[in-house]
Amino acid sequence: MSSMYTAIATSAGRDRRAVSSDGQLDVQLGLQKELGGTGVGTNPEQLFAAGYAACFASAMRLVAQRQKVDAADAAVTAEVGLHANGEGGFSLSVTLRVELPGHLSEEEGRTLVEATHQVCPYSNATRGNIPVELVVE
C-alpha cells in the first residue's frame, strides 16, 4: 500500500525532545507529575490527543460536506487516558467530546459523528485496539 503522506519524527524518550524530519515540530517532552516527573513539557498522550482531535475534526468537515450538513462550528476535544495494564505495561483509552452547532438535531449530530468515526484515520487505527468513547455535546 502506498502512502499519501508519511510523517517522520524522532525522540529519545518521554523526558527528551521530539523533532519531526521537516523541523516543523520541535517540542520538549516532559514526564507527567502523575508518573514521577516534573510535569514540565508536553507528553506523548497530549500529542496523541491533539492529533486525534485535529484529525477527527477535519474528517468531520469532510463527512459533513458529503452529507450536506453545516458543521463548520464543530469542535473536538480528545481525552487520552494512560492506564497500567496489570501486566507491567500500559494501555490507552480515548474519549472524543464533539461539540456540534446548535442547529443540528441530536440525531443529525450522532449520525455525523458515527460516520466520521468510520472515516477518521485515527479512529480506524485505534478501532479494536483501545476503547474509544464518542460523546456528542
N, C-alpha and C. Protein backbone atom coordinates (compact mmCIF):
# COMPACT_ATOMS: atom_id res chain seq x y z
N MET A 1 0.85 -1.17 0.00
CA MET A 1 0.00 0.00 0.00
C MET A 1 0.90 1.24 0.00
N SER A 2 0.68 2.14 -0.93
CA SER A 2 1.49 3.35 -0.98
C SER A 2 0.85 4.44 -0.11
N SER A 3 1.69 5.22 0.52
CA SER A 3 1.22 6.29 1.39
C SER A 3 0.95 7.56 0.62
N MET A 4 -0.10 8.27 1.04
CA MET A 4 -0.35 9.61 0.51
C MET A 4 0.62 10.59 1.16
N TYR A 5 1.01 10.26 2.39
CA TYR A 5 1.92 11.12 3.16
C TYR A 5 2.51 10.26 4.27
N THR A 6 3.75 10.50 4.63
CA THR A 6 4.40 9.82 5.75
C THR A 6 5.00 10.85 6.68
N ALA A 7 4.55 10.85 7.92
CA ALA A 7 5.13 11.73 8.94
C ALA A 7 6.28 10.98 9.60
N ILE A 8 7.37 11.71 9.86
CA ILE A 8 8.54 11.10 10.50
C ILE A 8 8.96 11.99 11.65
N ALA A 9 9.10 11.40 12.82
CA ALA A 9 9.56 12.14 14.00
C ALA A 9 10.48 11.24 14.81
N THR A 10 11.39 11.87 15.53
CA THR A 10 12.38 11.15 16.33
C THR A 10 12.39 11.69 17.75
N SER A 11 12.49 10.79 18.71
CA SER A 11 12.61 11.17 20.12
C SER A 11 13.43 10.12 20.85
N ALA A 12 14.05 10.52 21.95
CA ALA A 12 14.81 9.59 22.78
C ALA A 12 14.09 9.27 24.08
N GLY A 13 12.84 9.73 24.22
CA GLY A 13 12.09 9.37 25.43
C GLY A 13 11.14 10.44 25.90
N ARG A 14 10.35 10.08 26.92
CA ARG A 14 9.31 10.96 27.47
C ARG A 14 9.85 12.24 28.08
N ASP A 15 11.10 12.27 28.44
CA ASP A 15 11.67 13.46 29.07
C ASP A 15 12.74 14.11 28.18
N ARG A 16 12.63 13.88 26.91
CA ARG A 16 13.57 14.44 25.93
C ARG A 16 12.79 15.27 24.91
N ARG A 17 13.41 15.57 23.79
CA ARG A 17 12.75 16.32 22.72
C ARG A 17 12.16 15.36 21.70
N ALA A 18 11.17 15.85 20.99
CA ALA A 18 10.64 15.15 19.82
C ALA A 18 10.75 16.14 18.66
N VAL A 19 11.28 15.65 17.55
CA VAL A 19 11.53 16.52 16.39
C VAL A 19 11.05 15.81 15.13
N SER A 20 10.30 16.55 14.30
CA SER A 20 9.86 15.98 13.02
C SER A 20 10.98 16.14 12.00
N SER A 21 10.94 15.30 10.99
CA SER A 21 12.00 15.31 9.98
C SER A 21 12.07 16.62 9.22
N ASP A 22 10.95 17.35 9.12
CA ASP A 22 10.96 18.63 8.41
C ASP A 22 11.23 19.81 9.34
N GLY A 23 11.40 19.54 10.63
CA GLY A 23 11.71 20.60 11.59
C GLY A 23 10.52 21.43 12.03
N GLN A 24 9.33 21.15 11.50
CA GLN A 24 8.14 21.93 11.87
C GLN A 24 7.71 21.66 13.31
N LEU A 25 7.98 20.45 13.79
CA LEU A 25 7.69 20.10 15.17
C LEU A 25 9.01 19.91 15.90
N ASP A 26 9.19 20.66 16.96
CA ASP A 26 10.38 20.53 17.80
C ASP A 26 9.91 20.87 19.21
N VAL A 27 9.61 19.84 19.97
CA VAL A 27 8.96 20.06 21.26
C VAL A 27 9.73 19.36 22.37
N GLN A 28 9.84 20.06 23.50
CA GLN A 28 10.44 19.46 24.70
C GLN A 28 9.38 18.61 25.37
N LEU A 29 9.69 17.34 25.55
CA LEU A 29 8.77 16.44 26.23
C LEU A 29 9.09 16.43 27.72
N GLY A 30 8.09 16.11 28.52
CA GLY A 30 8.28 16.03 29.96
C GLY A 30 7.43 14.94 30.56
N LEU A 31 8.00 14.23 31.50
CA LEU A 31 7.28 13.18 32.20
C LEU A 31 6.24 13.81 33.12
N GLN A 32 5.01 13.32 33.06
CA GLN A 32 3.93 13.84 33.86
C GLN A 32 4.22 13.71 35.36
N LYS A 33 3.73 14.67 36.14
CA LYS A 33 3.88 14.60 37.60
C LYS A 33 3.29 13.30 38.13
N GLU A 34 2.17 12.88 37.54
CA GLU A 34 1.50 11.66 37.98
C GLU A 34 2.36 10.42 37.81
N LEU A 35 3.38 10.53 36.96
CA LEU A 35 4.29 9.40 36.71
C LEU A 35 5.65 9.62 37.34
N GLY A 36 5.75 10.64 38.20
CA GLY A 36 7.01 10.91 38.90
C GLY A 36 7.90 11.95 38.27
N GLY A 37 7.43 12.61 37.24
CA GLY A 37 8.22 13.64 36.57
C GLY A 37 7.93 15.03 37.11
N THR A 38 8.52 16.02 36.46
CA THR A 38 8.32 17.41 36.87
C THR A 38 7.06 18.00 36.27
N GLY A 39 6.57 17.39 35.19
CA GLY A 39 5.40 17.94 34.51
C GLY A 39 5.73 19.08 33.58
N VAL A 40 7.00 19.42 33.45
CA VAL A 40 7.42 20.50 32.56
C VAL A 40 7.61 19.90 31.16
N GLY A 41 6.94 20.48 30.22
CA GLY A 41 6.98 19.98 28.85
C GLY A 41 5.72 19.18 28.55
N THR A 42 5.47 18.98 27.28
CA THR A 42 4.30 18.21 26.89
C THR A 42 4.62 16.72 26.97
N ASN A 43 3.63 15.88 26.83
CA ASN A 43 3.89 14.45 26.89
C ASN A 43 3.23 13.75 25.70
N PRO A 44 3.61 12.51 25.44
CA PRO A 44 3.09 11.81 24.27
C PRO A 44 1.56 11.71 24.24
N GLU A 45 0.93 11.58 25.41
CA GLU A 45 -0.53 11.48 25.43
C GLU A 45 -1.17 12.79 24.99
N GLN A 46 -0.57 13.92 25.36
CA GLN A 46 -1.09 15.21 24.91
C GLN A 46 -0.93 15.35 23.40
N LEU A 47 0.20 14.91 22.87
CA LEU A 47 0.41 14.97 21.42
C LEU A 47 -0.58 14.07 20.69
N PHE A 48 -0.84 12.88 21.23
CA PHE A 48 -1.81 11.98 20.63
C PHE A 48 -3.21 12.60 20.68
N ALA A 49 -3.55 13.20 21.82
CA ALA A 49 -4.86 13.85 21.96
C ALA A 49 -5.02 14.99 20.95
N ALA A 50 -4.00 15.80 20.81
CA ALA A 50 -4.06 16.92 19.86
C ALA A 50 -4.20 16.41 18.43
N GLY A 51 -3.44 15.38 18.08
CA GLY A 51 -3.51 14.81 16.74
C GLY A 51 -4.87 14.19 16.45
N TYR A 52 -5.39 13.44 17.42
CA TYR A 52 -6.68 12.78 17.22
C TYR A 52 -7.79 13.82 17.10
N ALA A 53 -7.77 14.83 17.98
CA ALA A 53 -8.81 15.88 17.93
C ALA A 53 -8.79 16.60 16.58
N ALA A 54 -7.60 16.97 16.12
CA ALA A 54 -7.48 17.68 14.85
C ALA A 54 -7.91 16.81 13.68
N CYS A 55 -7.48 15.57 13.69
CA CYS A 55 -7.82 14.65 12.61
C CYS A 55 -9.32 14.39 12.56
N PHE A 56 -9.93 14.14 13.73
CA PHE A 56 -11.36 13.86 13.77
C PHE A 56 -12.16 15.07 13.32
N ALA A 57 -11.75 16.27 13.74
CA ALA A 57 -12.45 17.50 13.33
C ALA A 57 -12.35 17.69 11.82
N SER A 58 -11.19 17.44 11.25
CA SER A 58 -11.03 17.58 9.80
C SER A 58 -11.86 16.53 9.05
N ALA A 59 -11.85 15.30 9.54
CA ALA A 59 -12.64 14.23 8.92
C ALA A 59 -14.13 14.58 9.02
N MET A 60 -14.54 15.21 10.14
CA MET A 60 -15.94 15.57 10.30
C MET A 60 -16.36 16.64 9.30
N ARG A 61 -15.47 17.56 8.99
CA ARG A 61 -15.78 18.56 7.95
C ARG A 61 -16.01 17.88 6.60
N LEU A 62 -15.18 16.90 6.29
CA LEU A 62 -15.33 16.15 5.04
C LEU A 62 -16.66 15.39 5.03
N VAL A 63 -16.96 14.69 6.10
CA VAL A 63 -18.20 13.91 6.18
C VAL A 63 -19.41 14.85 6.13
N ALA A 64 -19.34 15.97 6.84
CA ALA A 64 -20.45 16.93 6.84
C ALA A 64 -20.70 17.46 5.43
N GLN A 65 -19.63 17.74 4.72
CA GLN A 65 -19.77 18.20 3.34
C GLN A 65 -20.45 17.14 2.49
N ARG A 66 -20.04 15.88 2.66
CA ARG A 66 -20.65 14.79 1.90
C ARG A 66 -22.14 14.64 2.24
N GLN A 67 -22.48 14.87 3.52
CA GLN A 67 -23.86 14.73 3.97
C GLN A 67 -24.66 16.02 3.77
N LYS A 68 -23.99 17.04 3.24
CA LYS A 68 -24.62 18.35 3.04
C LYS A 68 -25.18 18.92 4.34
N VAL A 69 -24.33 18.85 5.37
CA VAL A 69 -24.65 19.34 6.71
C VAL A 69 -23.65 20.42 7.06
N ASP A 70 -24.12 21.51 7.67
CA ASP A 70 -23.23 22.59 8.10
C ASP A 70 -22.72 22.28 9.51
N ALA A 71 -21.46 21.90 9.60
CA ALA A 71 -20.83 21.62 10.89
C ALA A 71 -19.56 22.44 11.05
N ALA A 72 -19.54 23.60 10.39
CA ALA A 72 -18.33 24.43 10.38
C ALA A 72 -17.90 24.86 11.78
N ASP A 73 -18.85 25.02 12.69
CA ASP A 73 -18.51 25.49 14.04
C ASP A 73 -18.27 24.35 15.03
N ALA A 74 -18.15 23.13 14.55
CA ALA A 74 -17.92 21.99 15.43
C ALA A 74 -16.50 22.02 15.99
N ALA A 75 -16.34 21.45 17.16
CA ALA A 75 -15.02 21.33 17.79
C ALA A 75 -14.92 19.97 18.45
N VAL A 76 -13.70 19.44 18.50
CA VAL A 76 -13.47 18.12 19.08
C VAL A 76 -12.42 18.23 20.17
N THR A 77 -12.72 17.66 21.32
CA THR A 77 -11.76 17.56 22.42
C THR A 77 -11.47 16.09 22.63
N ALA A 78 -10.20 15.72 22.58
CA ALA A 78 -9.81 14.33 22.80
C ALA A 78 -9.18 14.22 24.19
N GLU A 79 -9.66 13.27 24.95
CA GLU A 79 -9.10 12.95 26.26
C GLU A 79 -8.42 11.59 26.14
N VAL A 80 -7.12 11.55 26.34
CA VAL A 80 -6.38 10.30 26.23
C VAL A 80 -5.94 9.88 27.63
N GLY A 81 -6.42 8.71 28.03
CA GLY A 81 -6.06 8.17 29.34
C GLY A 81 -4.93 7.18 29.21
N LEU A 82 -4.01 7.21 30.16
CA LEU A 82 -2.90 6.26 30.24
C LEU A 82 -3.18 5.36 31.44
N HIS A 83 -3.16 4.06 31.21
CA HIS A 83 -3.54 3.10 32.25
C HIS A 83 -2.48 2.02 32.41
N ALA A 84 -2.27 1.58 33.63
CA ALA A 84 -1.47 0.38 33.86
C ALA A 84 -2.32 -0.80 33.39
N ASN A 85 -1.70 -1.73 32.68
CA ASN A 85 -2.49 -2.85 32.14
C ASN A 85 -2.50 -4.08 33.04
N GLY A 86 -1.86 -3.99 34.22
CA GLY A 86 -1.85 -5.10 35.15
C GLY A 86 -0.82 -6.18 34.83
N GLU A 87 -0.09 -5.99 33.75
CA GLU A 87 0.93 -6.96 33.34
C GLU A 87 2.30 -6.31 33.22
N GLY A 88 2.47 -5.16 33.89
CA GLY A 88 3.73 -4.45 33.82
C GLY A 88 3.84 -3.47 32.68
N GLY A 89 2.82 -3.37 31.87
CA GLY A 89 2.81 -2.44 30.73
C GLY A 89 1.71 -1.41 30.89
N PHE A 90 1.41 -0.77 29.80
CA PHE A 90 0.45 0.33 29.82
C PHE A 90 -0.49 0.22 28.63
N SER A 91 -1.64 0.87 28.76
CA SER A 91 -2.60 0.95 27.66
C SER A 91 -3.21 2.34 27.63
N LEU A 92 -3.89 2.63 26.55
CA LEU A 92 -4.53 3.92 26.37
C LEU A 92 -6.04 3.75 26.23
N SER A 93 -6.75 4.83 26.52
CA SER A 93 -8.17 4.92 26.21
C SER A 93 -8.41 6.33 25.70
N VAL A 94 -9.48 6.50 24.94
CA VAL A 94 -9.79 7.82 24.37
C VAL A 94 -11.27 8.13 24.56
N THR A 95 -11.55 9.35 24.95
CA THR A 95 -12.90 9.89 24.90
C THR A 95 -12.86 11.08 23.95
N LEU A 96 -13.69 11.05 22.92
CA LEU A 96 -13.81 12.18 22.00
C LEU A 96 -15.09 12.92 22.34
N ARG A 97 -14.94 14.17 22.75
CA ARG A 97 -16.10 15.03 23.05
C ARG A 97 -16.29 15.96 21.85
N VAL A 98 -17.39 15.76 21.16
CA VAL A 98 -17.66 16.52 19.94
C VAL A 98 -18.74 17.55 20.24
N GLU A 99 -18.36 18.81 20.12
CA GLU A 99 -19.29 19.92 20.32
C GLU A 99 -19.79 20.35 18.95
N LEU A 100 -21.09 20.16 18.74
CA LEU A 100 -21.70 20.44 17.44
C LEU A 100 -22.49 21.74 17.48
N PRO A 101 -22.68 22.36 16.32
CA PRO A 101 -23.50 23.57 16.26
C PRO A 101 -24.93 23.28 16.73
N GLY A 102 -25.55 24.27 17.35
CA GLY A 102 -26.88 24.12 17.92
C GLY A 102 -27.98 23.83 16.91
N HIS A 103 -27.75 24.17 15.64
CA HIS A 103 -28.80 23.94 14.65
C HIS A 103 -28.95 22.48 14.24
N LEU A 104 -27.98 21.63 14.63
CA LEU A 104 -28.09 20.21 14.29
C LEU A 104 -28.91 19.49 15.36
N SER A 105 -29.80 18.63 14.91
CA SER A 105 -30.58 17.83 15.86
C SER A 105 -29.66 16.78 16.48
N GLU A 106 -30.12 16.20 17.57
CA GLU A 106 -29.35 15.15 18.24
C GLU A 106 -29.10 13.98 17.28
N GLU A 107 -30.11 13.63 16.52
CA GLU A 107 -29.97 12.52 15.56
C GLU A 107 -28.99 12.86 14.44
N GLU A 108 -29.08 14.09 13.89
CA GLU A 108 -28.13 14.52 12.84
C GLU A 108 -26.71 14.50 13.39
N GLY A 109 -26.55 14.99 14.60
CA GLY A 109 -25.22 15.03 15.22
C GLY A 109 -24.65 13.66 15.44
N ARG A 110 -25.44 12.76 15.98
CA ARG A 110 -24.98 11.39 16.24
C ARG A 110 -24.62 10.70 14.93
N THR A 111 -25.44 10.88 13.89
CA THR A 111 -25.17 10.29 12.58
C THR A 111 -23.85 10.82 12.01
N LEU A 112 -23.64 12.11 12.12
CA LEU A 112 -22.41 12.73 11.63
C LEU A 112 -21.19 12.20 12.37
N VAL A 113 -21.27 12.13 13.68
CA VAL A 113 -20.12 11.68 14.49
C VAL A 113 -19.83 10.20 14.22
N GLU A 114 -20.85 9.38 14.14
CA GLU A 114 -20.63 7.95 13.87
C GLU A 114 -20.01 7.75 12.48
N ALA A 115 -20.49 8.50 11.49
CA ALA A 115 -19.92 8.39 10.15
C ALA A 115 -18.47 8.87 10.14
N THR A 116 -18.19 9.92 10.88
CA THR A 116 -16.82 10.44 10.97
C THR A 116 -15.90 9.40 11.60
N HIS A 117 -16.40 8.69 12.59
CA HIS A 117 -15.61 7.66 13.28
C HIS A 117 -15.20 6.53 12.32
N GLN A 118 -15.95 6.36 11.23
CA GLN A 118 -15.61 5.36 10.23
C GLN A 118 -14.60 5.88 9.20
N VAL A 119 -14.46 7.21 9.11
CA VAL A 119 -13.60 7.84 8.11
C VAL A 119 -12.24 8.24 8.69
N CYS A 120 -12.22 8.73 9.91
CA CYS A 120 -11.01 9.28 10.53
C CYS A 120 -9.90 8.23 10.63
N PRO A 121 -8.71 8.54 10.12
CA PRO A 121 -7.60 7.58 10.20
C PRO A 121 -7.22 7.18 11.63
N TYR A 122 -7.31 8.10 12.58
CA TYR A 122 -7.01 7.77 13.97
C TYR A 122 -8.04 6.78 14.49
N SER A 123 -9.31 7.00 14.18
CA SER A 123 -10.36 6.07 14.61
C SER A 123 -10.14 4.69 14.00
N ASN A 124 -9.77 4.67 12.73
CA ASN A 124 -9.52 3.39 12.07
C ASN A 124 -8.30 2.68 12.66
N ALA A 125 -7.30 3.45 13.07
CA ALA A 125 -6.09 2.85 13.65
C ALA A 125 -6.35 2.32 15.06
N THR A 126 -7.20 2.99 15.81
CA THR A 126 -7.44 2.59 17.20
C THR A 126 -8.54 1.53 17.34
N ARG A 127 -9.40 1.43 16.35
CA ARG A 127 -10.55 0.52 16.43
C ARG A 127 -10.09 -0.91 16.72
N GLY A 128 -10.64 -1.48 17.78
CA GLY A 128 -10.29 -2.85 18.15
C GLY A 128 -9.01 -2.94 18.98
N ASN A 129 -8.30 -1.82 19.11
CA ASN A 129 -7.04 -1.82 19.87
C ASN A 129 -7.18 -1.15 21.23
N ILE A 130 -7.93 -0.05 21.27
CA ILE A 130 -8.14 0.66 22.52
C ILE A 130 -9.59 1.13 22.55
N PRO A 131 -10.15 1.31 23.75
CA PRO A 131 -11.52 1.82 23.81
C PRO A 131 -11.57 3.28 23.41
N VAL A 132 -12.54 3.62 22.55
CA VAL A 132 -12.79 5.00 22.13
C VAL A 132 -14.27 5.28 22.38
N GLU A 133 -14.53 6.25 23.24
CA GLU A 133 -15.91 6.64 23.55
C GLU A 133 -16.22 7.93 22.80
N LEU A 134 -17.37 7.96 22.13
CA LEU A 134 -17.82 9.16 21.42
C LEU A 134 -18.89 9.83 22.24
N VAL A 135 -18.67 11.10 22.59
CA VAL A 135 -19.63 11.88 23.35
C VAL A 135 -20.04 13.07 22.51
N VAL A 136 -21.32 13.16 22.17
CA VAL A 136 -21.83 14.27 21.37
C VAL A 136 -22.44 15.30 22.32
N GLU A 137 -21.91 16.53 22.24
CA GLU A 137 -22.37 17.58 23.16
C GLU A 137 -23.07 18.68 22.40
